[in-house]
Amino acid sequence: MNKAVTHDPEYLAFLQRKVDQARADIAAGRVHRHEEVEAEMDALFTELERQGRRRPA
């Protein structure tokens, strides 16, 4: 990471908020297994491909 970025207090505060939120989500059980995410994305791509085939060119 660029030194200018790592010493920017606003950016460091932003990162800390993100880390804190992620830790709170994990503690609250708001997590998704990798397999669940892959299945959801596969279904989404399949649906988008289906929709794309229905549209006239």
C-alpha atoms as a PDB file:
ATOM      1  CA  MET A   1       0.000   0.000   0.000  1.00  0.00           C
ATOM      2  CA  ASN A   2       1.209   3.485  -0.786  1.00  0.00           C
ATOM      3  CA  LYS A   3       2.781   5.275   2.212  1.00  0.00           C
ATOM      4  CA  ALA A   4       0.591   8.326   1.610  1.00  0.00           C
ATOM      5  CA  VAL A   5      -2.508   6.147   1.910  1.00  0.00           C
ATOM      6  CA  THR A   6      -1.365   4.288   5.010  1.00  0.00           C
ATOM      7  CA  HIS A   7      -0.728   7.563   6.823  1.00  0.00           C
ATOM      8  CA  ASP A   8      -3.996   9.244   5.840  1.00  0.00           C
ATOM      9  CA  PRO A   9      -6.056   9.440   9.047  1.00  0.00           C
ATOM     10  CA  GLU A  10      -9.363   9.611   7.170  1.00  0.00           C
ATOM     11  CA  TYR A  11      -8.564   6.475   5.185  1.00  0.00           C
ATOM     12  CA  LEU A  12      -7.385   4.630   8.284  1.00  0.00           C
ATOM     13  CA  ALA A  13     -10.612   5.593  10.060  1.00  0.00           C
ATOM     14  CA  PHE A  14     -12.604   4.358   7.049  1.00  0.00           C
ATOM     15  CA  LEU A  15     -10.776   1.026   7.104  1.00  0.00           C
ATOM     16  CA  GLN A  16     -11.281   0.671  10.843  1.00  0.00           C
ATOM     17  CA  ARG A  17     -15.036   1.222  10.457  1.00  0.00           C
ATOM     18  CA  LYS A  18     -15.127  -1.489   7.778  1.00  0.00           C
ATOM     19  CA  VAL A  19     -13.195  -3.913   9.990  1.00  0.00           C
ATOM     20  CA  ASP A  20     -15.401  -3.147  12.992  1.00  0.00           C
ATOM     21  CA  GLN A  21     -18.560  -3.732  10.937  1.00  0.00           C
ATOM     22  CA  ALA A  22     -17.222  -7.002   9.549  1.00  0.00           C
ATOM     23  CA  ARG A  23     -16.349  -8.224  13.035  1.00  0.00           C
ATOM     24  CA  ALA A  24     -19.819  -7.276  14.294  1.00  0.00           C
ATOM     25  CA  ASP A  25     -21.430  -9.141  11.375  1.00  0.00           C
ATOM     26  CA  ILE A  26     -19.375 -12.248  12.118  1.00  0.00           C
ATOM     27  CA  ALA A  27     -20.187 -12.078  15.822  1.00  0.00           C
ATOM     28  CA  ALA A  28     -23.898 -11.751  14.993  1.00  0.00           C
ATOM     29  CA  GLY A  29     -23.762 -14.734  12.659  1.00  0.00           C
ATOM     30  CA  ARG A  30     -24.300 -12.684   9.505  1.00  0.00           C
ATOM     31  CA  VAL A  31     -21.893 -14.690   7.377  1.00  0.00           C
ATOM     32  CA  HIS A  32     -22.121 -16.625   4.123  1.00  0.00           C
ATOM     33  CA  ARG A  33     -20.192 -19.761   3.253  1.00  0.00           C
ATOM     34  CA  HIS A  34     -18.187 -19.682   0.040  1.00  0.00           C
ATOM     35  CA  GLU A  35     -20.366 -22.422  -1.424  1.00  0.00           C
ATOM     36  CA  GLU A  36     -23.531 -20.393  -0.732  1.00  0.00           C
ATOM     37  CA  VAL A  37     -22.102 -17.344  -2.499  1.00  0.00           C
ATOM     38  CA  GLU A  38     -21.018 -19.439  -5.492  1.00  0.00           C
ATOM     39  CA  ALA A  39     -24.476 -21.026  -5.767  1.00  0.00           C
ATOM     40  CA  GLU A  40     -26.204 -17.632  -5.624  1.00  0.00           C
ATOM     41  CA  MET A  41     -23.890 -16.194  -8.284  1.00  0.00           C
ATOM     42  CA  ASP A  42     -24.347 -19.232 -10.543  1.00  0.00           C
ATOM     43  CA  ALA A  43     -28.116 -18.813 -10.296  1.00  0.00           C
ATOM     44  CA  LEU A  44     -27.823 -15.083 -11.004  1.00  0.00           C
ATOM     45  CA  PHE A  45     -25.642 -15.618 -14.087  1.00  0.00           C
ATOM     46  CA  THR A  46     -27.970 -18.318 -15.364  1.00  0.00           C
ATOM     47  CA  GLU A  47     -30.948 -15.983 -15.009  1.00  0.00           C
ATOM     48  CA  LEU A  48     -29.116 -13.108 -16.703  1.00  0.00           C
ATOM     49  CA  GLU A  49     -28.123 -15.358 -19.599  1.00  0.00           C
ATOM     50  CA  ARG A  50     -31.747 -16.514 -19.929  1.00  0.00           C
ATOM     51  CA  GLN A  51     -32.976 -12.920 -19.961  1.00  0.00           C
ATOM     52  CA  GLY A  52     -30.355 -11.974 -22.545  1.00  0.00           C
ATOM     53  CA  ARG A  53     -31.514 -14.715 -24.895  1.00  0.00           C
ATOM     54  CA  ARG A  54     -35.126 -13.460 -24.773  1.00  0.00           C
ATOM     55  CA  ARG A  55     -34.231  -9.929 -25.895  1.00  0.00           C
ATOM     56  CA  PRO A  56     -34.186  -9.179 -29.612  1.00  0.00           C
ATOM     57  CA  ALA A  57     -30.804  -8.126 -30.975  1.00  0.00           C
END
